[in-house]
Amino acid sequence: MHPFTNKFEKKWFWFFMALWGFIMLPLPCFYDTEYNPGFFGVPVFIWGWLVYGLLTIVCIALWASSCLKRPEYHEFDEEE
């Protein structure tokens, strides 16, 4: 499917592009050249990547569940 065919595709395309753009920013929670300790002595950028990874997985799960509710994603299902 093309990302701009309907409102649903366009919304999720721009949402995931915003997530990608956010991770490209050189923020100290994602990129650091010095050791800045966080919780339990683990560097802050490690915690940033873990939180961002969990956020991405949750967003993918939301996207998948909303896709499965739409009729165009069921057009190849065989009825018994």
PDB file of N, CA and C in Angstrom:
ATOM      1  N   MET A   1       0.831  -1.192   0.000  1.00  0.00           N
ATOM      2  CA  MET A   1       0.000   0.000   0.000  1.00  0.00           C
ATOM      3  C   MET A   1       0.869   1.247   0.000  1.00  0.00           C
ATOM      4  N   HIS A   2       0.395   2.243  -0.643  1.00  0.00           N
ATOM      5  CA  HIS A   2       1.060   3.533  -0.662  1.00  0.00           C
ATOM      6  C   HIS A   2       0.712   4.281   0.622  1.00  0.00           C
ATOM      7  N   PRO A   3       1.671   4.978   1.256  1.00  0.00           N
ATOM      8  CA  PRO A   3       1.379   5.603   2.549  1.00  0.00           C
ATOM      9  C   PRO A   3       0.383   6.754   2.491  1.00  0.00           C
ATOM     10  N   PHE A   4       0.105   7.280   1.313  1.00  0.00           N
ATOM     11  CA  PHE A   4      -0.805   8.418   1.235  1.00  0.00           C
ATOM     12  C   PHE A   4      -2.125   8.074   0.559  1.00  0.00           C
ATOM     13  N   THR A   5      -2.526   6.807   0.583  1.00  0.00           N
ATOM     14  CA  THR A   5      -3.767   6.425  -0.076  1.00  0.00           C
ATOM     15  C   THR A   5      -4.999   6.813   0.730  1.00  0.00           C
ATOM     16  N   ASN A   6      -4.884   6.839   2.051  1.00  0.00           N
ATOM     17  CA  ASN A   6      -6.024   7.242   2.875  1.00  0.00           C
ATOM     18  C   ASN A   6      -5.527   7.879   4.171  1.00  0.00           C
ATOM     19  N   LYS A   7      -6.459   8.368   4.960  1.00  0.00           N
ATOM     20  CA  LYS A   7      -6.105   9.094   6.182  1.00  0.00           C
ATOM     21  C   LYS A   7      -5.390   8.200   7.195  1.00  0.00           C
ATOM     22  N   PHE A   8      -5.821   6.951   7.299  1.00  0.00           N
ATOM     23  CA  PHE A   8      -5.213   6.018   8.242  1.00  0.00           C
ATOM     24  C   PHE A   8      -3.739   5.795   7.917  1.00  0.00           C
ATOM     25  N   GLU A   9      -3.435   5.520   6.662  1.00  0.00           N
ATOM     26  CA  GLU A   9      -2.048   5.282   6.248  1.00  0.00           C
ATOM     27  C   GLU A   9      -1.199   6.530   6.437  1.00  0.00           C
ATOM     28  N   LYS A  10      -1.758   7.684   6.095  1.00  0.00           N
ATOM     29  CA  LYS A  10      -1.022   8.935   6.214  1.00  0.00           C
ATOM     30  C   LYS A  10      -0.698   9.254   7.668  1.00  0.00           C
ATOM     31  N   LYS A  11      -1.670   9.028   8.555  1.00  0.00           N
ATOM     32  CA  LYS A  11      -1.465   9.313   9.981  1.00  0.00           C
ATOM     33  C   LYS A  11      -0.335   8.469  10.540  1.00  0.00           C
ATOM     34  N   TRP A  12      -0.349   7.169  10.284  1.00  0.00           N
ATOM     35  CA  TRP A  12       0.683   6.296  10.835  1.00  0.00           C
ATOM     36  C   TRP A  12       2.032   6.520  10.165  1.00  0.00           C
ATOM     37  N   PHE A  13       2.041   6.870   8.886  1.00  0.00           N
ATOM     38  CA  PHE A  13       3.300   7.172   8.209  1.00  0.00           C
ATOM     39  C   PHE A  13       3.994   8.348   8.873  1.00  0.00           C
ATOM     40  N   TRP A  14       3.265   9.432   9.073  1.00  0.00           N
ATOM     41  CA  TRP A  14       3.881  10.611   9.681  1.00  0.00           C
ATOM     42  C   TRP A  14       4.226  10.379  11.144  1.00  0.00           C
ATOM     43  N   PHE A  15       3.459   9.547  11.843  1.00  0.00           N
ATOM     44  CA  PHE A  15       3.780   9.229  13.235  1.00  0.00           C
ATOM     45  C   PHE A  15       5.119   8.499  13.329  1.00  0.00           C
ATOM     46  N   PHE A  16       5.305   7.477  12.485  1.00  0.00           N
ATOM     47  CA  PHE A  16       6.567   6.740  12.528  1.00  0.00           C
ATOM     48  C   PHE A  16       7.722   7.562  11.959  1.00  0.00           C
ATOM     49  N   MET A  17       7.461   8.467  11.033  1.00  0.00           N
ATOM     50  CA  MET A  17       8.518   9.366  10.559  1.00  0.00           C
ATOM     51  C   MET A  17       8.941  10.333  11.667  1.00  0.00           C
ATOM     52  N   ALA A  18       7.982  10.766  12.498  1.00  0.00           N
ATOM     53  CA  ALA A  18       8.323  11.625  13.637  1.00  0.00           C
ATOM     54  C   ALA A  18       9.155  10.857  14.658  1.00  0.00           C
ATOM     55  N   LEU A  19       8.820   9.592  14.898  1.00  0.00           N
ATOM     56  CA  LEU A  19       9.645   8.763  15.788  1.00  0.00           C
ATOM     57  C   LEU A  19      11.061   8.625  15.238  1.00  0.00           C
ATOM     58  N   TRP A  20      11.184   8.398  13.952  1.00  0.00           N
ATOM     59  CA  TRP A  20      12.497   8.270  13.332  1.00  0.00           C
ATOM     60  C   TRP A  20      13.264   9.593  13.420  1.00  0.00           C
ATOM     61  N   GLY A  21      12.594  10.701  13.151  1.00  0.00           N
ATOM     62  CA  GLY A  21      13.242  12.006  13.231  1.00  0.00           C
ATOM     63  C   GLY A  21      13.704  12.336  14.638  1.00  0.00           C
ATOM     64  N   PHE A  22      12.923  11.927  15.631  1.00  0.00           N
ATOM     65  CA  PHE A  22      13.286  12.187  17.025  1.00  0.00           C
ATOM     66  C   PHE A  22      14.553  11.436  17.411  1.00  0.00           C
ATOM     67  N   ILE A  23      14.698  10.216  16.953  1.00  0.00           N
ATOM     68  CA  ILE A  23      15.880   9.423  17.306  1.00  0.00           C
ATOM     69  C   ILE A  23      17.119   9.942  16.588  1.00  0.00           C
ATOM     70  N   MET A  24      16.956  10.653  15.476  1.00  0.00           N
ATOM     71  CA  MET A  24      18.100  11.193  14.753  1.00  0.00           C
ATOM     72  C   MET A  24      18.686  12.435  15.418  1.00  0.00           C
ATOM     73  N   LEU A  25      17.954  13.058  16.337  1.00  0.00           N
ATOM     74  CA  LEU A  25      18.469  14.235  17.029  1.00  0.00           C
ATOM     75  C   LEU A  25      19.592  13.825  17.983  1.00  0.00           C
ATOM     76  N   PRO A  26      20.676  14.594  18.037  1.00  0.00           N
ATOM     77  CA  PRO A  26      21.788  14.227  18.927  1.00  0.00           C
ATOM     78  C   PRO A  26      21.522  14.641  20.376  1.00  0.00           C
ATOM     79  N   LEU A  27      20.495  14.084  20.958  1.00  0.00           N
ATOM     80  CA  LEU A  27      20.152  14.398  22.344  1.00  0.00           C
ATOM     81  C   LEU A  27      21.027  13.586  23.294  1.00  0.00           C
ATOM     82  N   PRO A  28      21.312  14.114  24.486  1.00  0.00           N
ATOM     83  CA  PRO A  28      22.167  13.373  25.419  1.00  0.00           C
ATOM     84  C   PRO A  28      21.548  12.071  25.918  1.00  0.00           C
ATOM     85  N   CYS A  29      20.240  11.914  25.768  1.00  0.00           N
ATOM     86  CA  CYS A  29      19.638  10.650  26.196  1.00  0.00           C
ATOM     87  C   CYS A  29      19.795   9.560  25.136  1.00  0.00           C
ATOM     88  N   PHE A  30      20.279   9.902  23.935  1.00  0.00           N
ATOM     89  CA  PHE A  30      20.511   8.916  22.880  1.00  0.00           C
ATOM     90  C   PHE A  30      21.974   8.826  22.457  1.00  0.00           C
ATOM     91  N   TYR A  31      22.718   9.912  22.620  1.00  0.00           N
ATOM     92  CA  TYR A  31      24.096   9.971  22.140  1.00  0.00           C
ATOM     93  C   TYR A  31      24.919  10.742  23.154  1.00  0.00           C
ATOM     94  N   ASP A  32      26.001  10.140  23.628  1.00  0.00           N
ATOM     95  CA  ASP A  32      26.851  10.800  24.606  1.00  0.00           C
ATOM     96  C   ASP A  32      28.276  10.310  24.433  1.00  0.00           C
ATOM     97  N   THR A  33      29.226  11.223  24.438  1.00  0.00           N
ATOM     98  CA  THR A  33      30.632  10.839  24.303  1.00  0.00           C
ATOM     99  C   THR A  33      31.328  10.727  25.648  1.00  0.00           C
ATOM    100  N   GLU A  34      30.647  11.102  26.712  1.00  0.00           N
ATOM    101  CA  GLU A  34      31.211  11.001  28.058  1.00  0.00           C
ATOM    102  C   GLU A  34      30.322  10.103  28.904  1.00  0.00           C
ATOM    103  N   TYR A  35      30.886   9.636  29.995  1.00  0.00           N
ATOM    104  CA  TYR A  35      30.125   8.778  30.900  1.00  0.00           C
ATOM    105  C   TYR A  35      29.291   9.645  31.830  1.00  0.00           C
ATOM    106  N   ASN A  36      27.994   9.585  31.669  1.00  0.00           N
ATOM    107  CA  ASN A  36      27.050  10.254  32.559  1.00  0.00           C
ATOM    108  C   ASN A  36      26.200   9.176  33.205  1.00  0.00           C
ATOM    109  N   PRO A  37      26.460   8.880  34.484  1.00  0.00           N
ATOM    110  CA  PRO A  37      25.747   7.765  35.117  1.00  0.00           C
ATOM    111  C   PRO A  37      24.281   8.080  35.360  1.00  0.00           C
ATOM    112  N   GLY A  38      23.472   7.065  35.196  1.00  0.00           N
ATOM    113  CA  GLY A  38      22.049   7.145  35.493  1.00  0.00           C
ATOM    114  C   GLY A  38      21.733   6.225  36.652  1.00  0.00           C
ATOM    115  N   PHE A  39      20.577   5.614  36.625  1.00  0.00           N
ATOM    116  CA  PHE A  39      20.198   4.666  37.666  1.00  0.00           C
ATOM    117  C   PHE A  39      21.152   3.478  37.676  1.00  0.00           C
ATOM    118  N   PHE A  40      21.574   3.067  38.848  1.00  0.00           N
ATOM    119  CA  PHE A  40      22.448   1.906  39.058  1.00  0.00           C
ATOM    120  C   PHE A  40      23.785   2.031  38.330  1.00  0.00           C
ATOM    121  N   GLY A  41      24.205   3.240  37.993  1.00  0.00           N
ATOM    122  CA  GLY A  41      25.482   3.445  37.323  1.00  0.00           C
ATOM    123  C   GLY A  41      25.468   3.178  35.832  1.00  0.00           C
ATOM    124  N   VAL A  42      24.321   2.831  35.291  1.00  0.00           N
ATOM    125  CA  VAL A  42      24.201   2.580  33.850  1.00  0.00           C
ATOM    126  C   VAL A  42      24.155   3.934  33.139  1.00  0.00           C
ATOM    127  N   PRO A  43      24.897   4.106  32.049  1.00  0.00           N
ATOM    128  CA  PRO A  43      24.895   5.393  31.347  1.00  0.00           C
ATOM    129  C   PRO A  43      23.492   5.820  30.914  1.00  0.00           C
ATOM    130  N   VAL A  44      23.295   7.126  30.897  1.00  0.00           N
ATOM    131  CA  VAL A  44      21.977   7.696  30.589  1.00  0.00           C
ATOM    132  C   VAL A  44      21.517   7.308  29.191  1.00  0.00           C
ATOM    133  N   PHE A  45      22.445   7.265  28.219  1.00  0.00           N
ATOM    134  CA  PHE A  45      22.013   6.954  26.853  1.00  0.00           C
ATOM    135  C   PHE A  45      21.501   5.520  26.724  1.00  0.00           C
ATOM    136  N   ILE A  46      21.972   4.609  27.576  1.00  0.00           N
ATOM    137  CA  ILE A  46      21.446   3.237  27.556  1.00  0.00           C
ATOM    138  C   ILE A  46      19.986   3.245  27.988  1.00  0.00           C
ATOM    139  N   TRP A  47      19.685   3.987  29.049  1.00  0.00           N
ATOM    140  CA  TRP A  47      18.290   4.094  29.501  1.00  0.00           C
ATOM    141  C   TRP A  47      17.431   4.762  28.435  1.00  0.00           C
ATOM    142  N   GLY A  48      17.973   5.779  27.770  1.00  0.00           N
ATOM    143  CA  GLY A  48      17.227   6.439  26.698  1.00  0.00           C
ATOM    144  C   GLY A  48      16.885   5.493  25.565  1.00  0.00           C
ATOM    145  N   TRP A  49      17.854   4.667  25.160  1.00  0.00           N
ATOM    146  CA  TRP A  49      17.603   3.705  24.095  1.00  0.00           C
ATOM    147  C   TRP A  49      16.607   2.639  24.526  1.00  0.00           C
ATOM    148  N   LEU A  50      16.684   2.203  25.786  1.00  0.00           N
ATOM    149  CA  LEU A  50      15.725   1.200  26.268  1.00  0.00           C
ATOM    150  C   LEU A  50      14.299   1.752  26.276  1.00  0.00           C
ATOM    151  N   VAL A  51      14.141   2.969  26.777  1.00  0.00           N
ATOM    152  CA  VAL A  51      12.807   3.586  26.809  1.00  0.00           C
ATOM    153  C   VAL A  51      12.298   3.810  25.390  1.00  0.00           C
ATOM    154  N   TYR A  52      13.168   4.293  24.511  1.00  0.00           N
ATOM    155  CA  TYR A  52      12.760   4.528  23.131  1.00  0.00           C
ATOM    156  C   TYR A  52      12.402   3.216  22.428  1.00  0.00           C
ATOM    157  N   GLY A  53      13.155   2.170  22.698  1.00  0.00           N
ATOM    158  CA  GLY A  53      12.850   0.860  22.116  1.00  0.00           C
ATOM    159  C   GLY A  53      11.504   0.334  22.577  1.00  0.00           C
ATOM    160  N   LEU A  54      11.218   0.471  23.870  1.00  0.00           N
ATOM    161  CA  LEU A  54       9.908   0.044  24.385  1.00  0.00           C
ATOM    162  C   LEU A  54       8.783   0.879  23.781  1.00  0.00           C
ATOM    163  N   LEU A  55       9.000   2.186  23.652  1.00  0.00           N
ATOM    164  CA  LEU A  55       7.997   3.051  23.027  1.00  0.00           C
ATOM    165  C   LEU A  55       7.732   2.618  21.588  1.00  0.00           C
ATOM    166  N   THR A  56       8.776   2.296  20.860  1.00  0.00           N
ATOM    167  CA  THR A  56       8.617   1.860  19.477  1.00  0.00           C
ATOM    168  C   THR A  56       7.850   0.545  19.389  1.00  0.00           C
ATOM    169  N   ILE A  57       8.156  -0.400  20.266  1.00  0.00           N
ATOM    170  CA  ILE A  57       7.447  -1.685  20.266  1.00  0.00           C
ATOM    171  C   ILE A  57       5.971  -1.490  20.592  1.00  0.00           C
ATOM    172  N   VAL A  58       5.666  -0.621  21.556  1.00  0.00           N
ATOM    173  CA  VAL A  58       4.268  -0.343  21.902  1.00  0.00           C
ATOM    174  C   VAL A  58       3.551   0.311  20.723  1.00  0.00           C
ATOM    175  N   CYS A  59       4.207   1.245  20.044  1.00  0.00           N
ATOM    176  CA  CYS A  59       3.587   1.902  18.886  1.00  0.00           C
ATOM    177  C   CYS A  59       3.352   0.919  17.744  1.00  0.00           C
ATOM    178  N   ILE A  60       4.269   0.003  17.527  1.00  0.00           N
ATOM    179  CA  ILE A  60       4.075  -1.013  16.488  1.00  0.00           C
ATOM    180  C   ILE A  60       2.912  -1.921  16.849  1.00  0.00           C
ATOM    181  N   ALA A  61       2.781  -2.270  18.129  1.00  0.00           N
ATOM    182  CA  ALA A  61       1.654  -3.105  18.562  1.00  0.00           C
ATOM    183  C   ALA A  61       0.330  -2.368  18.375  1.00  0.00           C
ATOM    184  N   LEU A  62       0.290  -1.075  18.694  1.00  0.00           N
ATOM    185  CA  LEU A  62      -0.928  -0.285  18.468  1.00  0.00           C
ATOM    186  C   LEU A  62      -1.262  -0.207  16.986  1.00  0.00           C
ATOM    187  N   TRP A  63      -0.242   0.007  16.157  1.00  0.00           N
ATOM    188  CA  TRP A  63      -0.452   0.067  14.715  1.00  0.00           C
ATOM    189  C   TRP A  63      -0.987  -1.265  14.191  1.00  0.00           C
ATOM    190  N   ALA A  64      -0.400  -2.370  14.638  1.00  0.00           N
ATOM    191  CA  ALA A  64      -0.841  -3.689  14.170  1.00  0.00           C
ATOM    192  C   ALA A  64      -2.272  -3.978  14.599  1.00  0.00           C
ATOM    193  N   SER A  65      -2.616  -3.642  15.840  1.00  0.00           N
ATOM    194  CA  SER A  65      -3.987  -3.903  16.291  1.00  0.00           C
ATOM    195  C   SER A  65      -4.989  -3.025  15.554  1.00  0.00           C
ATOM    196  N   SER A  66      -4.616  -1.779  15.256  1.00  0.00           N
ATOM    197  CA  SER A  66      -5.537  -0.929  14.502  1.00  0.00           C
ATOM    198  C   SER A  66      -5.633  -1.378  13.046  1.00  0.00           C
ATOM    199  N   CYS A  67      -4.566  -1.937  12.494  1.00  0.00           N
ATOM    200  CA  CYS A  67      -4.623  -2.476  11.128  1.00  0.00           C
ATOM    201  C   CYS A  67      -5.551  -3.676  11.050  1.00  0.00           C
ATOM    202  N   LEU A  68      -5.493  -4.536  12.053  1.00  0.00           N
ATOM    203  CA  LEU A  68      -6.321  -5.739  12.027  1.00  0.00           C
ATOM    204  C   LEU A  68      -7.808  -5.432  12.178  1.00  0.00           C
ATOM    205  N   LYS A  69      -8.154  -4.249  12.637  1.00  0.00           N
ATOM    206  CA  LYS A  69      -9.561  -3.854  12.758  1.00  0.00           C
ATOM    207  C   LYS A  69     -10.117  -3.286  11.453  1.00  0.00           C
ATOM    208  N   ARG A  70      -9.252  -2.997  10.494  1.00  0.00           N
ATOM    209  CA  ARG A  70      -9.692  -2.372   9.250  1.00  0.00           C
ATOM    210  C   ARG A  70     -10.050  -3.431   8.211  1.00  0.00           C
ATOM    211  N   PRO A  71     -11.098  -3.190   7.418  1.00  0.00           N
ATOM    212  CA  PRO A  71     -11.554  -4.208   6.458  1.00  0.00           C
ATOM    213  C   PRO A  71     -10.575  -4.452   5.306  1.00  0.00           C
ATOM    214  N   GLU A  72      -9.814  -3.454   4.879  1.00  0.00           N
ATOM    215  CA  GLU A  72      -8.928  -3.675   3.731  1.00  0.00           C
ATOM    216  C   GLU A  72      -7.767  -4.613   4.050  1.00  0.00           C
ATOM    217  N   TYR A  73      -7.504  -4.835   5.316  1.00  0.00           N
ATOM    218  CA  TYR A  73      -6.464  -5.787   5.690  1.00  0.00           C
ATOM    219  C   TYR A  73      -7.007  -7.213   5.801  1.00  0.00           C
ATOM    220  N   HIS A  74      -8.308  -7.381   5.603  1.00  0.00           N
ATOM    221  CA  HIS A  74      -8.937  -8.698   5.671  1.00  0.00           C
ATOM    222  C   HIS A  74      -9.473  -9.164   4.322  1.00  0.00           C
ATOM    223  N   GLU A  75      -9.130  -8.508   3.245  1.00  0.00           N
ATOM    224  CA  GLU A  75      -9.726  -8.855   1.958  1.00  0.00           C
ATOM    225  C   GLU A  75      -9.247 -10.202   1.430  1.00  0.00           C
ATOM    226  N   PHE A  76      -8.148 -10.739   1.938  1.00  0.00           N
ATOM    227  CA  PHE A  76      -7.661 -12.031   1.476  1.00  0.00           C
ATOM    228  C   PHE A  76      -8.015 -13.165   2.426  1.00  0.00           C
ATOM    229  N   ASP A  77      -8.756 -12.869   3.486  1.00  0.00           N
ATOM    230  CA  ASP A  77      -9.175 -13.917   4.413  1.00  0.00           C
ATOM    231  C   ASP A  77     -10.215 -14.812   3.748  1.00  0.00           C
ATOM    232  N   GLU A  78     -10.083 -16.092   3.969  1.00  0.00           N
ATOM    233  CA  GLU A  78     -11.061 -17.031   3.428  1.00  0.00           C
ATOM    234  C   GLU A  78     -12.098 -17.332   4.493  1.00  0.00           C
ATOM    235  N   GLU A  79     -13.346 -17.230   4.116  1.00  0.00           N
ATOM    236  CA  GLU A  79     -14.417 -17.538   5.062  1.00  0.00           C
ATOM    237  C   GLU A  79     -14.713 -19.024   5.006  1.00  0.00           C
ATOM    238  N   GLU A  80     -14.984 -19.590   6.161  1.00  0.00           N
ATOM    239  CA  GLU A  80     -15.265 -21.031   6.223  1.00  0.00           C
ATOM    240  C   GLU A  80     -16.740 -21.298   6.258  1.00  0.00           C
TER     241      GLU A  80
END
